[in-house]
């Protein structure tokens, strides 16, 4: 399994200048790789291998490229081709995308050393600090908040300068799958300890066994952001005061991102520890964000990030996480399967065919649960949440507030409904 650890870095003024310089040279290399690729005929475009073979020639021709470590330079070439591959995938899915753009200094903010060119000294620092050496740059002090696991192999190291001006170092790690806990055997999976998740509108998540988790309240943070953005609009673009205020805006945005990520970490940890299997919709997040209404809340929800975290935590805790087809989970009756159209403002499900009534989101979670069992090749269990739900009264649902998640460091362990 591949994952990463990220640490706050505190380079000296001299080393920070070197980091800035190498960051700028790597940006120039990236732009040159892009230019070189664009010059080739459409029917004979250069591969990553072809352009890696050109690196020695470029280093001889432009001495500034010779300052770069070879593996770091190859990682920059790989970065361009990875971006190119992602662009092609979007085109195949029907997105209207153009060509890769030339990178400006404000857009290109990280450099990766792959396989070699770096060293980690865990003993040199004191009081939870360590040092990382980047070849041709120097030693960088990091806050070593959590040690690299003994069973993990460091595959690459990345240094990055955030828009706030802060530096961070990330380690790309790889752990042998044999060292991870095994998922429960599908044949012996406890279906009563499985749950379907609906990423909702009125609540952040809604589970098939009647639990809801409130939205994270970010209104105060957005009030601060709007105030800082107004201050920025009054500064002269390019001035020292503008740059200073731009960093203040970036800090507020970073705070919002971190608060959302921390919230998601706590929810996903609870889910994978509590259940043997978690089923969630495979949502087309980008198209949802392009729709009308509630766009900021959808962005704050960061649903794709939530699912990625859930899958990552599942590997660490030996839990099944399965994404299921999202289309129709709200319209389809969880009891009889008949579809009924519902505008977004209709919050109850009332089936005209079988008379089954429940909350709109509760119905969706039961359909997610049913589809999850189908994906694993399991039948719909004899005792299901559908049989226990008889009314649309939301008092039957146990609500967990956002503040409770934050204060306790994670959701409480709650019994599952059978």
Protein backbone atom coordinates (compact mmCIF):
# COMPACT_ATOMS: atom_id res chain seq x y z
CA UNK A 1 0.00 0.00 0.00
CA UNK A 2 1.23 3.48 -0.84
CA UNK A 3 0.57 6.49 1.37
CA UNK A 4 2.35 9.65 2.56
CA UNK A 5 3.40 11.50 5.71
CA UNK A 6 3.63 15.30 5.64
CA UNK A 7 5.71 17.48 7.98
CA UNK A 8 6.09 21.21 8.57
CA UNK A 9 9.62 22.30 7.55
CA UNK A 10 11.81 25.08 8.97
CA UNK A 11 14.73 25.71 6.60
CA UNK A 12 17.39 28.25 7.49
CA UNK A 13 17.42 31.45 5.46
CA UNK A 14 20.34 30.16 3.37
CA UNK A 15 18.73 26.78 2.69
CA UNK A 16 15.35 28.41 1.96
CA UNK A 17 17.06 30.48 -0.75
CA UNK A 18 18.45 27.25 -2.26
CA UNK A 19 15.03 25.63 -2.13
CA UNK A 20 13.56 28.65 -3.93
CA UNK A 21 16.29 28.51 -6.57
CA UNK A 22 15.85 24.79 -7.25
CA UNK A 23 12.08 25.20 -7.33
CA UNK A 24 12.46 27.86 -10.03
CA UNK A 25 14.93 25.77 -12.07
CA UNK A 26 12.59 22.75 -11.93
CA UNK A 27 9.79 25.01 -13.13
CA UNK A 28 11.95 26.08 -16.08
CA UNK A 29 12.72 22.41 -16.82
CA UNK A 30 9.02 21.53 -16.71
CA UNK A 31 8.21 24.35 -19.14
CA UNK A 32 11.04 23.24 -21.43
CA UNK A 33 9.76 19.65 -21.39
CA UNK A 34 6.35 21.00 -22.34
CA UNK A 35 7.82 23.15 -25.14
CA UNK A 36 9.90 20.23 -26.46
CA UNK A 37 6.82 17.99 -26.48
CA UNK A 38 4.71 20.61 -28.29
CA UNK A 39 7.38 20.97 -31.04
CA UNK A 40 7.11 17.29 -32.01
CA UNK A 41 4.69 16.33 -34.82
CA UNK A 42 1.19 15.28 -33.74
CA UNK A 43 1.74 11.74 -35.04
CA UNK A 44 5.15 11.35 -33.39
CA UNK A 45 4.91 12.80 -29.88
CA UNK A 46 7.77 12.22 -27.47
CA UNK A 47 7.40 9.74 -24.61
CA UNK A 48 8.64 10.19 -21.04
CA UNK A 49 11.48 7.78 -21.88
CA UNK A 50 12.49 9.86 -24.93
CA UNK A 51 12.61 13.09 -22.95
CA UNK A 52 14.50 11.52 -20.03
CA UNK A 53 17.18 10.53 -22.56
CA UNK A 54 17.45 14.21 -23.57
CA UNK A 55 18.27 15.37 -20.03
CA UNK A 56 22.09 14.89 -20.32
CA UNK A 57 22.09 16.93 -23.56
CA UNK A 58 20.01 19.70 -21.97
CA UNK A 59 22.31 19.81 -18.94
CA UNK A 60 25.33 20.29 -21.20
CA UNK A 61 23.59 22.98 -23.24
CA UNK A 62 22.08 24.89 -20.27
CA UNK A 63 24.29 24.77 -17.20
CA UNK A 64 21.44 25.73 -14.88
CA UNK A 65 19.83 22.33 -15.49
CA UNK A 66 23.10 20.71 -14.46
CA UNK A 67 22.51 21.98 -10.93
CA UNK A 68 19.62 19.57 -10.51
CA UNK A 69 19.88 16.08 -9.07
CA UNK A 70 19.28 13.50 -11.82
CA UNK A 71 16.40 11.68 -10.07
CA UNK A 72 14.70 14.97 -9.23
CA UNK A 73 14.99 16.08 -12.86
CA UNK A 74 13.50 12.78 -14.05
CA UNK A 75 10.64 13.23 -11.57
CA UNK A 76 9.91 16.63 -13.14
CA UNK A 77 9.75 15.02 -16.61
CA UNK A 78 7.46 12.34 -15.15
CA UNK A 79 5.29 15.08 -13.65
CA UNK A 80 4.63 16.60 -17.08
CA UNK A 81 3.69 13.23 -18.60
CA UNK A 82 1.50 12.36 -15.62
CA UNK A 83 -0.37 15.65 -16.10
CA UNK A 84 -0.64 14.86 -19.80
CA UNK A 85 -2.09 11.43 -19.04
CA UNK A 86 -4.67 12.93 -16.68
CA UNK A 87 -5.63 15.41 -19.39
CA UNK A 88 -6.20 12.58 -21.89
CA UNK A 89 -8.38 10.70 -19.40
CA UNK A 90 -10.58 13.77 -18.97
CA UNK A 91 -10.90 14.16 -22.75
CA UNK A 92 -12.00 10.52 -23.04
CA UNK A 93 -14.70 11.17 -20.44
CA UNK A 94 -16.05 14.03 -22.55
CA UNK A 95 -14.63 17.02 -20.66
CA UNK A 96 -13.79 20.08 -22.74
CA UNK A 97 -10.09 20.53 -21.93
CA UNK A 98 -7.26 22.22 -23.80
CA UNK A 99 -3.49 21.83 -23.63
CA UNK A 100 -1.26 21.88 -20.58
CA UNK A 101 -0.30 25.43 -19.70
CA UNK A 102 3.08 26.97 -19.07
CA UNK A 103 3.75 27.03 -15.32
CA UNK A 104 4.25 30.38 -13.60
CA UNK A 105 6.22 30.83 -10.34
CA UNK A 106 2.98 31.03 -8.34
CA UNK A 107 1.69 27.75 -9.84
CA UNK A 108 4.78 25.54 -9.60
CA UNK A 109 5.49 25.03 -5.90
CA UNK A 110 6.94 21.55 -5.31
CA UNK A 111 9.90 19.33 -6.25
CA UNK A 112 10.13 15.56 -5.82
CA UNK A 113 13.23 13.42 -5.26
CA UNK A 114 12.48 9.87 -6.37
CA UNK A 115 14.41 6.87 -5.00
CA UNK A 116 17.61 8.77 -4.21
CA UNK A 117 19.06 12.22 -3.58
CA UNK A 118 17.73 12.55 -0.03
CA UNK A 119 18.52 11.38 3.51
CA UNK A 120 16.48 11.35 6.72
CA UNK A 121 18.31 11.83 10.03
CA UNK A 122 15.91 11.05 12.88
CA UNK A 123 18.56 11.31 15.61
CA UNK A 124 19.93 14.74 14.77
CA UNK A 125 16.82 16.63 15.95
CA UNK A 126 15.50 17.00 19.47
CA UNK A 127 11.99 17.29 20.93
CA UNK A 128 10.13 15.82 17.95
CA UNK A 129 12.35 17.36 15.27
CA UNK A 130 14.35 15.61 12.55
CA UNK A 131 16.38 16.65 9.50
CA UNK A 132 16.10 15.85 5.80
CA UNK A 133 18.99 16.39 3.39
CA UNK A 134 18.23 17.19 -0.23
CA UNK A 135 21.11 16.65 -2.63
CA UNK A 136 22.66 19.91 -3.91
CA UNK A 137 20.50 21.92 -1.46
CA UNK A 138 21.29 21.04 2.17
CA UNK A 139 19.66 19.95 5.43
CA UNK A 140 16.08 20.97 6.25
CA UNK A 141 14.67 20.82 9.77
CA UNK A 142 11.18 19.26 10.06
CA UNK A 143 8.72 18.90 12.93
CA UNK A 144 8.79 15.11 13.26
CA UNK A 145 5.25 14.80 14.64
CA UNK A 146 5.04 11.07 13.90
CA UNK A 147 7.94 8.73 13.07
CA UNK A 148 8.11 6.89 9.77
CA UNK A 149 6.84 3.32 10.49
CA UNK A 150 9.55 0.67 10.71
CA UNK A 151 7.78 -1.49 8.13
CA UNK A 152 7.53 1.37 5.59
CA UNK A 153 9.93 2.04 2.73
CA UNK A 154 10.56 5.64 1.66
CA UNK A 155 10.00 5.76 -2.11
CA UNK A 156 10.23 9.53 -2.63
CA UNK A 157 10.47 12.84 -0.81
CA UNK A 158 8.85 16.13 -1.87
CA UNK A 159 9.46 19.64 -0.63
CA UNK A 160 6.73 22.24 -1.22
CA UNK A 161 6.24 25.93 -0.62
CA UNK A 162 2.62 26.74 0.19
CA UNK A 163 0.90 29.94 -0.90
CA UNK A 164 1.25 31.08 2.73
CA UNK A 165 5.05 31.04 2.34
CA UNK A 166 5.44 28.01 4.63
CA UNK A 167 7.55 25.00 3.69
CA UNK A 168 6.50 21.35 3.99
CA UNK A 169 8.22 18.02 3.37
CA UNK A 170 6.24 14.90 2.36
CA UNK A 171 7.47 11.31 2.34
CA UNK A 172 5.94 8.88 -0.14
CA UNK A 173 5.84 5.55 1.72
CA UNK A 174 5.16 1.97 0.71
CA UNK A 175 4.13 -0.83 3.04
CA UNK A 176 4.01 -4.49 2.16
CA UNK A 177 0.39 -5.63 1.95
CA UNK A 178 1.35 -8.64 4.07
CA UNK A 179 1.91 -6.26 7.02
CA UNK A 180 -1.66 -4.91 6.80
CA UNK A 181 -4.65 -6.47 8.58
CA UNK A 182 -6.77 -8.73 6.39
CA UNK A 183 -10.25 -7.73 5.31
CA UNK A 184 -13.05 -9.87 6.76
CA UNK A 185 -13.78 -12.85 4.52
CA UNK A 186 -16.77 -12.03 2.33
CA UNK A 187 -18.32 -15.44 2.98
CA UNK A 188 -18.23 -14.90 6.74
CA UNK A 189 -18.92 -11.14 6.69
CA UNK A 190 -21.26 -10.00 9.45
CA UNK A 191 -23.93 -8.27 7.37
CA UNK A 192 -25.47 -6.79 10.52
CA UNK A 193 -22.20 -4.94 11.07
CA UNK A 194 -22.23 -3.35 7.61
CA UNK A 195 -23.49 0.11 6.75
CA UNK A 196 -24.51 2.19 3.74
CA UNK A 197 -23.50 5.86 3.67
CA UNK A 198 -25.31 8.73 1.95
CA UNK A 199 -23.34 11.97 1.60
CA UNK A 200 -26.25 14.28 2.10
CA UNK A 201 -27.45 17.87 1.90
CA UNK A 202 -29.17 18.47 5.22
CA UNK A 203 -26.57 16.31 7.02
CA UNK A 204 -22.94 15.64 6.20
CA UNK A 205 -23.51 11.89 6.20
CA UNK A 206 -26.50 9.65 6.88
CA UNK A 207 -26.09 5.93 7.65
CA UNK A 208 -28.42 3.04 6.91
CA UNK A 209 -28.71 2.24 10.62
CA UNK A 210 -30.10 5.64 11.52
CA UNK A 211 -27.09 7.79 12.40
CA UNK A 212 -26.61 11.30 11.03
CA UNK A 213 -23.58 13.58 11.35
CA UNK A 214 -24.09 17.34 11.16
CA UNK A 215 -22.36 19.65 8.72
CA UNK A 216 -19.23 21.36 9.93
CA UNK A 217 -20.05 25.01 10.64
CA UNK A 218 -17.65 27.19 8.65
CA UNK A 219 -19.62 30.45 8.60
CA UNK A 220 -17.20 32.24 10.96
CA UNK A 221 -14.26 31.15 8.81
CA UNK A 222 -15.94 32.39 5.63
CA UNK A 223 -16.76 35.72 7.30
CA UNK A 224 -13.05 36.12 8.08
CA UNK A 225 -12.13 35.08 4.52
CA UNK A 226 -14.47 37.66 2.99
CA UNK A 227 -13.04 40.37 5.25
CA UNK A 228 -9.44 39.51 4.35
CA UNK A 229 -10.32 39.35 0.63
CA UNK A 230 -11.85 42.83 0.81
CA UNK A 231 -8.62 44.10 2.36
CA UNK A 232 -6.66 42.46 -0.47
CA UNK A 233 -8.83 44.13 -3.12
CA UNK A 234 -7.81 47.53 -1.72
CA UNK A 235 -4.06 46.84 -2.06
CA UNK A 236 -2.02 47.72 -5.13
CA UNK A 237 -1.26 44.55 -7.07
CA UNK A 238 2.46 43.79 -6.95
CA UNK A 239 3.21 45.91 -3.88
CA UNK A 240 4.70 44.56 -0.62
CA UNK A 241 1.42 45.24 1.17
CA UNK A 242 -0.45 43.26 -1.50
CA UNK A 243 1.88 40.27 -1.05
CA UNK A 244 1.54 40.46 2.73
CA UNK A 245 -2.25 40.53 2.53
CA UNK A 246 -2.31 37.76 -0.11
CA UNK A 247 -0.59 35.51 2.41
CA UNK A 248 -3.21 36.38 5.03
CA UNK A 249 -5.93 35.29 2.61
CA UNK A 250 -4.01 32.10 1.86
CA UNK A 251 -3.73 31.33 5.60
CA UNK A 252 -7.49 31.60 6.08
CA UNK A 253 -8.12 29.31 3.09
CA UNK A 254 -5.57 26.85 4.45
CA UNK A 255 -7.31 26.90 7.84
CA UNK A 256 -10.63 26.02 6.18
CA UNK A 257 -9.07 23.16 4.20
CA UNK A 258 -7.38 21.78 7.31
CA UNK A 259 -10.57 21.98 9.36
CA UNK A 260 -12.52 20.05 6.72
CA UNK A 261 -9.74 17.46 6.37
CA UNK A 262 -9.49 16.97 10.14
CA UNK A 263 -13.26 16.49 10.33
CA UNK A 264 -13.15 13.89 7.57
CA UNK A 265 -10.28 12.05 9.24
CA UNK A 266 -12.33 11.66 12.42
CA UNK A 267 -15.48 10.49 10.64
CA UNK A 268 -13.69 8.00 8.39
CA UNK A 269 -11.68 6.59 11.31
CA UNK A 270 -14.90 5.98 13.22
CA UNK A 271 -16.52 4.24 10.23
CA UNK A 272 -13.68 1.80 9.50
CA UNK A 273 -13.21 0.95 13.18
CA UNK A 274 -16.92 0.46 13.82
CA UNK A 275 -17.99 -1.59 10.79
CA UNK A 276 -16.79 -4.64 8.87
CA UNK A 277 -18.03 -3.19 5.58
CA UNK A 278 -18.86 0.37 4.50
CA UNK A 279 -20.70 1.05 1.25
CA UNK A 280 -20.72 4.51 -0.35
CA UNK A 281 -21.94 6.04 -3.61
CA UNK A 282 -19.50 6.49 -6.49
CA UNK A 283 -20.34 10.16 -7.05
CA UNK A 284 -19.46 12.30 -10.07
CA UNK A 285 -18.30 15.18 -7.87
CA UNK A 286 -17.10 17.47 -10.67
CA UNK A 287 -20.46 17.47 -12.47
CA UNK A 288 -22.24 18.06 -9.14
CA UNK A 289 -20.12 21.13 -8.46
CA UNK A 290 -21.00 22.50 -11.90
CA UNK A 291 -24.72 22.28 -11.07
CA UNK A 292 -26.80 25.14 -9.73
CA UNK A 293 -27.20 25.79 -6.01
CA UNK A 294 -25.36 24.74 -2.87
CA UNK A 295 -22.02 24.78 -4.71
CA UNK A 296 -19.93 26.01 -1.78
CA UNK A 297 -21.32 23.40 0.60
CA UNK A 298 -20.58 20.71 -1.96
CA UNK A 299 -17.03 22.01 -2.24
CA UNK A 300 -16.65 22.06 1.56
CA UNK A 301 -17.92 18.51 1.73
CA UNK A 302 -14.95 17.45 -0.45
CA UNK A 303 -16.74 14.18 -1.15
CA UNK A 304 -14.07 12.66 -3.35
CA UNK A 305 -11.49 13.40 -0.66
CA UNK A 306 -13.81 11.78 1.90
CA UNK A 307 -14.06 8.56 -0.15
CA UNK A 308 -10.28 8.50 -0.75
CA UNK A 309 -9.65 8.79 3.00
CA UNK A 310 -12.23 6.09 3.68
CA UNK A 311 -10.51 3.66 1.30
CA UNK A 312 -7.09 4.50 2.74
CA UNK A 313 -8.27 3.93 6.33
CA UNK A 314 -9.98 0.69 5.28
CA UNK A 315 -6.63 -0.76 4.17
CA UNK A 316 -5.11 0.12 7.55
CA UNK A 317 -7.95 -1.41 9.58
CA UNK A 318 -8.96 -4.38 7.43
CA UNK A 319 -12.43 -3.06 6.49
CA UNK A 320 -14.33 -3.56 3.23
CA UNK A 321 -15.09 -0.23 1.51
CA UNK A 322 -17.11 -0.59 -1.69
CA UNK A 323 -18.28 2.16 -4.04
CA UNK A 324 -21.63 1.45 -5.65
CA UNK A 325 -23.57 2.94 -8.57
CA UNK A 326 -25.05 6.25 -7.39
CA UNK A 327 -27.77 6.69 -10.01
CA UNK A 328 -31.26 6.18 -8.67
CA UNK A 329 -30.47 5.59 -5.00
CA UNK A 330 -32.80 8.45 -4.02
CA UNK A 331 -35.62 7.67 -6.47
CA UNK A 332 -35.68 3.90 -6.05
CA UNK A 333 -37.79 2.47 -3.22
CA UNK A 334 -35.56 0.47 -0.89
CA UNK A 335 -38.40 -1.98 -0.21
CA UNK A 336 -39.92 -2.74 -3.62
CA UNK A 337 -37.55 -1.11 -6.13
CA UNK A 338 -40.09 1.14 -7.87
CA UNK A 339 -38.65 4.52 -8.89
CA UNK A 340 -40.40 7.75 -7.89
CA UNK A 341 -39.16 11.18 -9.04
CA UNK A 342 -38.41 13.58 -6.17
CA UNK A 343 -37.43 17.26 -6.46
CA UNK A 344 -34.51 18.21 -4.21
CA UNK A 345 -36.79 20.00 -1.74
CA UNK A 346 -38.88 16.86 -1.06
CA UNK A 347 -37.25 15.34 2.02
CA UNK A 348 -39.49 12.28 2.46
CA UNK A 349 -39.77 9.06 0.50
CA UNK A 350 -43.30 7.76 0.00
CA UNK A 351 -43.64 4.84 -2.40
CA UNK A 352 -46.90 4.85 -4.41
CA UNK A 353 -46.48 1.14 -5.17
CA UNK A 354 -45.91 -0.46 -1.75
CA UNK A 355 -46.64 2.39 0.64
CA UNK A 356 -43.17 2.34 2.23
CA UNK A 357 -42.42 5.71 3.90
CA UNK A 358 -39.22 7.03 5.40
CA UNK A 359 -36.78 9.93 5.22
CA UNK A 360 -35.39 10.60 1.74
CA UNK A 361 -31.76 10.12 2.83
CA UNK A 362 -32.60 7.02 4.86
CA UNK A 363 -34.10 5.43 1.75
CA UNK A 364 -30.94 6.27 -0.22
CA UNK A 365 -28.66 4.70 2.40
CA UNK A 366 -30.67 1.47 2.33
CA UNK A 367 -30.31 1.30 -1.44
CA UNK A 368 -26.56 1.91 -1.08
CA UNK A 369 -26.41 -0.92 1.48
CA UNK A 370 -28.36 -3.25 -0.81
CA UNK A 371 -26.12 -2.47 -3.79
CA UNK A 372 -23.04 -2.95 -1.63
CA UNK A 373 -24.13 -6.46 -0.68
CA UNK A 374 -24.75 -7.17 -4.36
CA UNK A 375 -21.24 -5.94 -5.29
CA UNK A 376 -19.76 -8.39 -2.75
CA UNK A 377 -21.93 -11.20 -4.06
CA UNK A 378 -24.02 -11.34 -0.91
CA UNK A 379 -27.79 -11.62 -0.67
CA UNK A 380 -30.04 -9.08 1.02
CA UNK A 381 -30.04 -10.22 4.69
CA UNK A 382 -33.25 -11.47 6.30
CA UNK A 383 -33.20 -8.68 8.89
CA UNK A 384 -32.73 -5.31 7.17
CA UNK A 385 -33.08 -1.64 8.10
CA UNK A 386 -36.10 -1.48 5.77
CA UNK A 387 -38.12 -3.66 8.14
CA UNK A 388 -37.39 -1.38 11.12
CA UNK A 389 -38.38 1.90 9.41
CA UNK A 390 -42.10 2.63 9.46
CA UNK A 391 -42.48 6.43 9.42
CA UNK A 392 -40.97 9.64 8.14
CA UNK A 393 -40.47 11.06 11.64
CA UNK A 394 -36.77 11.98 11.75
CA UNK A 395 -36.76 11.67 15.53
CA UNK A 396 -35.94 8.01 14.93
CA UNK A 397 -32.49 9.05 13.66
CA UNK A 398 -29.63 9.57 16.10
CA UNK A 399 -27.89 12.85 15.29
CA UNK A 400 -24.23 13.48 16.07
CA UNK A 401 -23.23 17.15 16.05
CA UNK A 402 -20.12 18.52 14.39
CA UNK A 403 -18.94 20.01 17.69
CA UNK A 404 -19.19 16.59 19.32
CA UNK A 405 -16.95 15.10 16.64
CA UNK A 406 -14.35 17.84 17.16
CA UNK A 407 -14.43 17.78 20.97
CA UNK A 408 -14.15 14.01 21.33
CA UNK A 409 -11.58 13.57 18.57
CA UNK A 410 -13.84 11.17 16.71
CA UNK A 411 -17.38 9.84 16.74
CA UNK A 412 -18.46 7.69 19.67
CA UNK A 413 -18.83 3.98 19.25
CA UNK A 414 -22.54 3.40 18.62
CA UNK A 415 -24.45 0.11 18.41
CA UNK A 416 -25.61 -0.99 14.97
CA UNK A 417 -29.26 -1.49 14.21
CA UNK A 418 -30.07 -4.94 12.87
